[in-house]
Amino acid sequence: MHWTTKSIIAMFLLVPFFLLIPTLSKHFGLRSETGMLMWFFGTVVGIVVWSLYTNQLEILSIKAPALLVLLMGIVFGAAANILLGQSMVVAPNPGFPIAIISGNIAIIIILAPILAYFIPQFFDVEKITFLRGAGV
């Protein structure tokens, strides 16, 4: 399956989550942090089950890059998602905070070629065209 197809499917799969957390918080008293925790716990369980099913789980051979990602998730991921959950509950529309955090796309698009220039061993240089951006 092409990366754009996977991205579009993932986009639609995330929509219920972004609508569910503020609704449950406002109408049923579920704290946004609890909702986020349950979502991510469910995500971890789902990924482990999928990884076991496809024999892609590397949990017994965790290497330094995986530990770096774990540490970043603990620090940056937790802070970002707590703030996102809290802002979705009080925003006039739960899509507004999501639109704002999607600004990270512009930052990534700007930083990627700069990082590719300075540390090409870690970042690929990619020619950006309209067709490549559309996934063709």
N, C-alpha and C. Protein backbone atom coordinates (compact mmCIF):
# COMPACT_ATOMS: atom_id res chain seq x y z
N MET A 1 0.85 -1.18 0.00
CA MET A 1 0.00 0.00 0.00
C MET A 1 0.90 1.24 0.00
N HIS A 2 0.57 2.21 -0.81
CA HIS A 2 1.35 3.44 -0.94
C HIS A 2 1.26 4.28 0.33
N TRP A 3 2.29 5.07 0.59
CA TRP A 3 2.32 5.86 1.82
C TRP A 3 1.18 6.87 1.89
N THR A 4 0.77 7.43 0.75
CA THR A 4 -0.33 8.40 0.79
C THR A 4 -1.64 7.72 1.16
N THR A 5 -1.84 6.51 0.64
CA THR A 5 -3.05 5.76 0.99
C THR A 5 -3.08 5.47 2.48
N LYS A 6 -1.94 5.02 3.02
CA LYS A 6 -1.85 4.76 4.46
C LYS A 6 -2.11 6.02 5.27
N SER A 7 -1.58 7.15 4.80
CA SER A 7 -1.77 8.43 5.51
C SER A 7 -3.23 8.86 5.51
N ILE A 8 -3.90 8.68 4.39
CA ILE A 8 -5.32 9.08 4.30
C ILE A 8 -6.17 8.19 5.19
N ILE A 9 -5.90 6.89 5.19
CA ILE A 9 -6.65 5.99 6.07
C ILE A 9 -6.40 6.36 7.53
N ALA A 10 -5.14 6.63 7.89
CA ALA A 10 -4.82 7.02 9.27
C ALA A 10 -5.54 8.30 9.66
N MET A 11 -5.63 9.24 8.72
CA MET A 11 -6.33 10.50 9.00
C MET A 11 -7.77 10.22 9.40
N PHE A 12 -8.45 9.38 8.63
CA PHE A 12 -9.85 9.08 8.94
C PHE A 12 -9.99 8.28 10.23
N LEU A 13 -9.03 7.41 10.52
CA LEU A 13 -9.09 6.62 11.75
C LEU A 13 -8.90 7.49 13.00
N LEU A 14 -8.24 8.62 12.87
CA LEU A 14 -8.01 9.50 14.02
C LEU A 14 -9.18 10.45 14.29
N VAL A 15 -10.04 10.66 13.31
CA VAL A 15 -11.16 11.59 13.48
C VAL A 15 -12.04 11.25 14.69
N PRO A 16 -12.45 9.98 14.88
CA PRO A 16 -13.29 9.69 16.05
C PRO A 16 -12.62 10.04 17.37
N PHE A 17 -11.32 9.81 17.46
CA PHE A 17 -10.59 10.14 18.68
C PHE A 17 -10.68 11.63 18.98
N PHE A 18 -10.44 12.45 17.98
CA PHE A 18 -10.44 13.90 18.19
C PHE A 18 -11.82 14.44 18.52
N LEU A 19 -12.86 13.73 18.13
CA LEU A 19 -14.22 14.14 18.49
C LEU A 19 -14.65 13.54 19.83
N LEU A 20 -14.16 12.36 20.14
CA LEU A 20 -14.59 11.64 21.33
C LEU A 20 -14.09 12.28 22.63
N ILE A 21 -12.82 12.63 22.69
CA ILE A 21 -12.24 13.13 23.94
C ILE A 21 -12.96 14.39 24.45
N PRO A 22 -13.14 15.44 23.63
CA PRO A 22 -13.83 16.61 24.17
C PRO A 22 -15.29 16.32 24.51
N THR A 23 -15.95 15.47 23.74
CA THR A 23 -17.35 15.15 24.01
C THR A 23 -17.50 14.42 25.34
N LEU A 24 -16.68 13.41 25.57
CA LEU A 24 -16.74 12.68 26.83
C LEU A 24 -16.34 13.55 28.01
N SER A 25 -15.43 14.47 27.78
CA SER A 25 -15.01 15.37 28.84
C SER A 25 -16.13 16.35 29.21
N LYS A 26 -16.71 16.97 28.21
CA LYS A 26 -17.73 18.00 28.46
C LYS A 26 -19.03 17.40 29.01
N HIS A 27 -19.43 16.24 28.52
CA HIS A 27 -20.75 15.71 28.85
C HIS A 27 -20.75 14.59 29.88
N PHE A 28 -19.61 13.95 30.11
CA PHE A 28 -19.57 12.83 31.04
C PHE A 28 -18.49 12.98 32.10
N GLY A 29 -17.79 14.11 32.11
CA GLY A 29 -16.81 14.39 33.15
C GLY A 29 -15.51 13.63 33.04
N LEU A 30 -15.25 13.00 31.91
CA LEU A 30 -13.99 12.30 31.73
C LEU A 30 -12.87 13.32 31.56
N ARG A 31 -11.87 13.25 32.40
CA ARG A 31 -10.73 14.17 32.27
C ARG A 31 -10.01 13.89 30.96
N SER A 32 -9.56 14.95 30.31
CA SER A 32 -8.89 14.77 29.02
C SER A 32 -7.65 13.90 29.16
N GLU A 33 -6.93 14.03 30.27
CA GLU A 33 -5.73 13.22 30.49
C GLU A 33 -6.09 11.73 30.56
N THR A 34 -7.22 11.40 31.20
CA THR A 34 -7.65 10.01 31.30
C THR A 34 -8.04 9.48 29.92
N GLY A 35 -8.75 10.29 29.17
CA GLY A 35 -9.12 9.89 27.82
C GLY A 35 -7.91 9.64 26.94
N MET A 36 -6.95 10.53 27.02
CA MET A 36 -5.72 10.37 26.23
C MET A 36 -4.97 9.12 26.67
N LEU A 37 -4.89 8.89 27.99
CA LEU A 37 -4.20 7.71 28.51
C LEU A 37 -4.85 6.43 28.00
N MET A 38 -6.17 6.37 28.05
CA MET A 38 -6.87 5.17 27.59
C MET A 38 -6.66 4.96 26.09
N TRP A 39 -6.71 6.06 25.32
CA TRP A 39 -6.49 5.97 23.87
C TRP A 39 -5.09 5.42 23.58
N PHE A 40 -4.09 5.98 24.24
CA PHE A 40 -2.72 5.56 23.96
C PHE A 40 -2.43 4.16 24.51
N PHE A 41 -3.05 3.81 25.64
CA PHE A 41 -2.91 2.44 26.14
C PHE A 41 -3.50 1.46 25.14
N GLY A 42 -4.69 1.79 24.65
CA GLY A 42 -5.31 0.95 23.62
C GLY A 42 -4.46 0.87 22.37
N THR A 43 -3.83 1.99 22.01
CA THR A 43 -2.94 2.01 20.84
C THR A 43 -1.76 1.08 21.05
N VAL A 44 -1.15 1.13 22.23
CA VAL A 44 -0.01 0.26 22.52
C VAL A 44 -0.42 -1.21 22.44
N VAL A 45 -1.56 -1.54 23.05
CA VAL A 45 -2.04 -2.93 23.00
C VAL A 45 -2.26 -3.35 21.55
N GLY A 46 -2.90 -2.49 20.77
CA GLY A 46 -3.14 -2.81 19.36
C GLY A 46 -1.87 -3.00 18.57
N ILE A 47 -0.87 -2.17 18.81
CA ILE A 47 0.40 -2.29 18.08
C ILE A 47 1.12 -3.57 18.49
N VAL A 48 1.10 -3.91 19.77
CA VAL A 48 1.75 -5.14 20.21
C VAL A 48 1.07 -6.36 19.57
N VAL A 49 -0.27 -6.39 19.57
CA VAL A 49 -0.99 -7.50 18.97
C VAL A 49 -0.67 -7.59 17.47
N TRP A 50 -0.72 -6.45 16.78
CA TRP A 50 -0.41 -6.45 15.34
C TRP A 50 1.03 -6.91 15.10
N SER A 51 1.96 -6.42 15.91
CA SER A 51 3.38 -6.78 15.75
C SER A 51 3.61 -8.26 15.98
N LEU A 52 2.93 -8.83 16.98
CA LEU A 52 3.05 -10.28 17.23
C LEU A 52 2.47 -11.07 16.06
N TYR A 53 1.34 -10.62 15.56
CA TYR A 53 0.67 -11.30 14.45
C TYR A 53 1.53 -11.29 13.18
N THR A 54 2.24 -10.19 12.96
CA THR A 54 3.05 -10.07 11.74
C THR A 54 4.53 -10.38 11.99
N ASN A 55 4.85 -10.86 13.19
CA ASN A 55 6.23 -11.20 13.56
C ASN A 55 7.19 -10.02 13.38
N GLN A 56 6.74 -8.83 13.75
CA GLN A 56 7.58 -7.65 13.61
C GLN A 56 7.94 -7.02 14.95
N LEU A 57 7.64 -7.69 16.04
CA LEU A 57 7.90 -7.13 17.37
C LEU A 57 9.36 -7.35 17.74
N GLU A 58 10.06 -6.27 18.07
CA GLU A 58 11.47 -6.35 18.43
C GLU A 58 11.66 -6.06 19.91
N ILE A 59 10.65 -6.32 20.73
CA ILE A 59 10.70 -5.94 22.13
C ILE A 59 11.85 -6.61 22.88
N LEU A 60 12.27 -7.80 22.42
CA LEU A 60 13.34 -8.50 23.12
C LEU A 60 14.72 -8.04 22.70
N SER A 61 14.79 -7.22 21.68
CA SER A 61 16.09 -6.74 21.22
C SER A 61 16.08 -5.22 21.06
N ILE A 62 15.61 -4.52 22.08
CA ILE A 62 15.53 -3.06 22.01
C ILE A 62 16.93 -2.48 21.95
N LYS A 63 17.12 -1.58 21.01
CA LYS A 63 18.41 -0.94 20.81
C LYS A 63 18.32 0.54 21.18
N ALA A 64 19.43 1.21 21.18
CA ALA A 64 19.50 2.62 21.58
C ALA A 64 18.51 3.52 20.82
N PRO A 65 18.33 3.38 19.49
CA PRO A 65 17.37 4.25 18.82
C PRO A 65 15.95 4.11 19.38
N ALA A 66 15.56 2.87 19.71
CA ALA A 66 14.22 2.67 20.28
C ALA A 66 14.11 3.32 21.65
N LEU A 67 15.17 3.26 22.43
CA LEU A 67 15.16 3.90 23.75
C LEU A 67 15.09 5.42 23.63
N LEU A 68 15.75 5.97 22.61
CA LEU A 68 15.66 7.41 22.37
C LEU A 68 14.22 7.80 22.04
N VAL A 69 13.57 7.02 21.20
CA VAL A 69 12.17 7.30 20.85
C VAL A 69 11.30 7.18 22.10
N LEU A 70 11.55 6.18 22.93
CA LEU A 70 10.80 6.02 24.19
C LEU A 70 10.98 7.24 25.08
N LEU A 71 12.19 7.69 25.24
CA LEU A 71 12.46 8.87 26.07
C LEU A 71 11.78 10.11 25.52
N MET A 72 11.84 10.29 24.20
CA MET A 72 11.16 11.44 23.58
C MET A 72 9.65 11.35 23.76
N GLY A 73 9.11 10.14 23.68
CA GLY A 73 7.68 9.95 23.91
C GLY A 73 7.29 10.29 25.33
N ILE A 74 8.12 9.88 26.28
CA ILE A 74 7.84 10.17 27.68
C ILE A 74 7.84 11.67 27.93
N VAL A 75 8.80 12.37 27.37
CA VAL A 75 8.92 13.81 27.62
C VAL A 75 8.05 14.64 26.68
N PHE A 76 8.37 14.60 25.40
CA PHE A 76 7.68 15.46 24.43
C PHE A 76 6.27 14.97 24.11
N GLY A 77 6.15 13.66 23.89
CA GLY A 77 4.85 13.11 23.53
C GLY A 77 3.82 13.30 24.63
N ALA A 78 4.22 13.04 25.86
CA ALA A 78 3.29 13.20 26.97
C ALA A 78 2.87 14.66 27.12
N ALA A 79 3.83 15.56 27.11
CA ALA A 79 3.51 16.98 27.28
C ALA A 79 2.62 17.48 26.14
N ALA A 80 2.97 17.13 24.90
CA ALA A 80 2.19 17.60 23.76
C ALA A 80 0.77 17.07 23.79
N ASN A 81 0.61 15.80 24.13
CA ASN A 81 -0.73 15.21 24.11
C ASN A 81 -1.58 15.65 25.30
N ILE A 82 -0.97 15.89 26.44
CA ILE A 82 -1.73 16.43 27.58
C ILE A 82 -2.24 17.82 27.22
N LEU A 83 -1.36 18.65 26.68
CA LEU A 83 -1.77 20.00 26.28
C LEU A 83 -2.82 19.97 25.18
N LEU A 84 -2.67 19.06 24.22
CA LEU A 84 -3.65 18.94 23.15
C LEU A 84 -5.00 18.52 23.71
N GLY A 85 -5.02 17.52 24.56
CA GLY A 85 -6.27 17.06 25.15
C GLY A 85 -6.96 18.15 25.95
N GLN A 86 -6.20 18.89 26.74
CA GLN A 86 -6.77 19.97 27.53
C GLN A 86 -7.32 21.08 26.64
N SER A 87 -6.61 21.40 25.57
CA SER A 87 -7.06 22.48 24.70
C SER A 87 -8.27 22.08 23.87
N MET A 88 -8.38 20.80 23.50
CA MET A 88 -9.53 20.34 22.72
C MET A 88 -10.82 20.45 23.53
N VAL A 89 -10.73 20.29 24.84
CA VAL A 89 -11.91 20.35 25.70
C VAL A 89 -12.46 21.76 25.80
N VAL A 90 -11.60 22.76 25.85
CA VAL A 90 -12.06 24.13 26.06
C VAL A 90 -12.16 24.95 24.78
N ALA A 91 -11.63 24.44 23.69
CA ALA A 91 -11.71 25.18 22.42
C ALA A 91 -13.16 25.20 21.93
N PRO A 92 -13.55 26.23 21.20
CA PRO A 92 -14.92 26.28 20.69
C PRO A 92 -15.22 25.16 19.69
N ASN A 93 -14.19 24.61 19.07
CA ASN A 93 -14.32 23.50 18.13
C ASN A 93 -13.09 22.62 18.34
N PRO A 94 -13.25 21.29 18.55
CA PRO A 94 -12.08 20.46 18.81
C PRO A 94 -11.09 20.40 17.65
N GLY A 95 -11.51 20.83 16.48
CA GLY A 95 -10.60 20.84 15.34
C GLY A 95 -9.60 21.98 15.37
N PHE A 96 -9.90 23.06 16.10
CA PHE A 96 -8.98 24.21 16.14
C PHE A 96 -7.60 23.85 16.70
N PRO A 97 -7.52 23.21 17.88
CA PRO A 97 -6.18 22.86 18.38
C PRO A 97 -5.45 21.89 17.45
N ILE A 98 -6.20 20.99 16.82
CA ILE A 98 -5.57 20.04 15.90
C ILE A 98 -5.01 20.79 14.69
N ALA A 99 -5.74 21.77 14.20
CA ALA A 99 -5.25 22.57 13.07
C ALA A 99 -3.98 23.32 13.46
N ILE A 100 -3.96 23.84 14.68
CA ILE A 100 -2.78 24.58 15.12
C ILE A 100 -1.57 23.66 15.24
N ILE A 101 -1.74 22.49 15.86
CA ILE A 101 -0.57 21.60 15.99
C ILE A 101 -0.14 21.03 14.64
N SER A 102 -1.03 21.04 13.67
CA SER A 102 -0.65 20.57 12.34
C SER A 102 0.33 21.53 11.67
N GLY A 103 0.54 22.68 12.28
CA GLY A 103 1.56 23.61 11.79
C GLY A 103 2.95 23.00 11.86
N ASN A 104 3.09 21.90 12.61
CA ASN A 104 4.40 21.25 12.66
C ASN A 104 4.82 20.75 11.29
N ILE A 105 3.86 20.56 10.40
CA ILE A 105 4.17 20.13 9.04
C ILE A 105 5.07 21.15 8.35
N ALA A 106 4.72 22.43 8.47
CA ALA A 106 5.53 23.49 7.85
C ALA A 106 6.94 23.50 8.45
N ILE A 107 7.03 23.31 9.75
CA ILE A 107 8.35 23.30 10.40
C ILE A 107 9.17 22.13 9.89
N ILE A 108 8.56 20.97 9.76
CA ILE A 108 9.27 19.79 9.28
C ILE A 108 9.71 19.96 7.83
N ILE A 109 8.83 20.52 7.00
CA ILE A 109 9.17 20.73 5.59
C ILE A 109 10.36 21.69 5.45
N ILE A 110 10.43 22.68 6.32
CA ILE A 110 11.54 23.63 6.28
C ILE A 110 12.81 23.01 6.86
N LEU A 111 12.69 22.29 7.97
CA LEU A 111 13.88 21.74 8.63
C LEU A 111 14.51 20.55 7.90
N ALA A 112 13.70 19.72 7.25
CA ALA A 112 14.21 18.50 6.64
C ALA A 112 15.34 18.76 5.63
N PRO A 113 15.18 19.68 4.69
CA PRO A 113 16.30 19.90 3.76
C PRO A 113 17.51 20.54 4.43
N ILE A 114 17.28 21.34 5.44
CA ILE A 114 18.41 21.95 6.17
C ILE A 114 19.19 20.85 6.88
N LEU A 115 18.48 19.94 7.55
CA LEU A 115 19.15 18.83 8.22
C LEU A 115 19.82 17.90 7.21
N ALA A 116 19.21 17.70 6.06
CA ALA A 116 19.81 16.86 5.02
C ALA A 116 21.11 17.48 4.52
N TYR A 117 21.18 18.79 4.49
CA TYR A 117 22.41 19.47 4.04
C TYR A 117 23.53 19.30 5.07
N PHE A 118 23.19 19.50 6.35
CA PHE A 118 24.21 19.49 7.39
C PHE A 118 24.56 18.09 7.89
N ILE A 119 23.60 17.18 7.94
CA ILE A 119 23.88 15.81 8.39
C ILE A 119 23.22 14.80 7.43
N PRO A 120 23.77 14.71 6.21
CA PRO A 120 23.16 13.85 5.19
C PRO A 120 23.18 12.36 5.53
N GLN A 121 24.03 11.96 6.47
CA GLN A 121 24.04 10.54 6.83
C GLN A 121 22.77 10.13 7.57
N PHE A 122 22.01 11.09 8.07
CA PHE A 122 20.78 10.78 8.79
C PHE A 122 19.51 11.23 8.05
N PHE A 123 19.65 12.19 7.14
CA PHE A 123 18.48 12.73 6.45
C PHE A 123 18.71 12.68 4.95
N ASP A 124 17.73 12.10 4.25
CA ASP A 124 17.83 11.98 2.80
C ASP A 124 17.49 13.30 2.12
N VAL A 125 18.20 13.56 1.03
CA VAL A 125 17.88 14.72 0.20
C VAL A 125 16.82 14.25 -0.78
N GLU A 126 15.72 14.94 -0.82
CA GLU A 126 14.61 14.55 -1.68
C GLU A 126 14.18 15.74 -2.50
N LYS A 127 14.04 15.51 -3.79
CA LYS A 127 13.54 16.56 -4.66
C LYS A 127 12.03 16.65 -4.47
N ILE A 128 11.55 17.82 -4.10
CA ILE A 128 10.13 18.00 -3.84
C ILE A 128 9.46 18.53 -5.10
N THR A 129 8.49 17.76 -5.60
CA THR A 129 7.67 18.19 -6.73
C THR A 129 6.21 18.00 -6.34
N PHE A 130 5.34 18.58 -7.12
CA PHE A 130 3.92 18.44 -6.85
C PHE A 130 3.48 16.97 -6.91
N LEU A 131 3.95 16.26 -7.94
CA LEU A 131 3.56 14.86 -8.10
C LEU A 131 4.08 13.99 -6.96
N ARG A 132 5.32 14.22 -6.53
CA ARG A 132 5.85 13.44 -5.40
C ARG A 132 5.09 13.77 -4.13
N GLY A 133 4.74 15.02 -3.95
CA GLY A 133 3.96 15.41 -2.77
C GLY A 133 2.57 14.80 -2.77
N ALA A 134 2.03 14.56 -3.96
CA ALA A 134 0.72 13.92 -4.08
C ALA A 134 0.83 12.41 -3.99
N GLY A 135 2.05 11.91 -3.93
CA GLY A 135 2.25 10.47 -3.80
C GLY A 135 2.22 9.72 -5.09
N VAL A 136 2.41 10.43 -6.21
CA VAL A 136 2.38 9.76 -7.51
C VAL A 136 3.79 9.36 -7.92
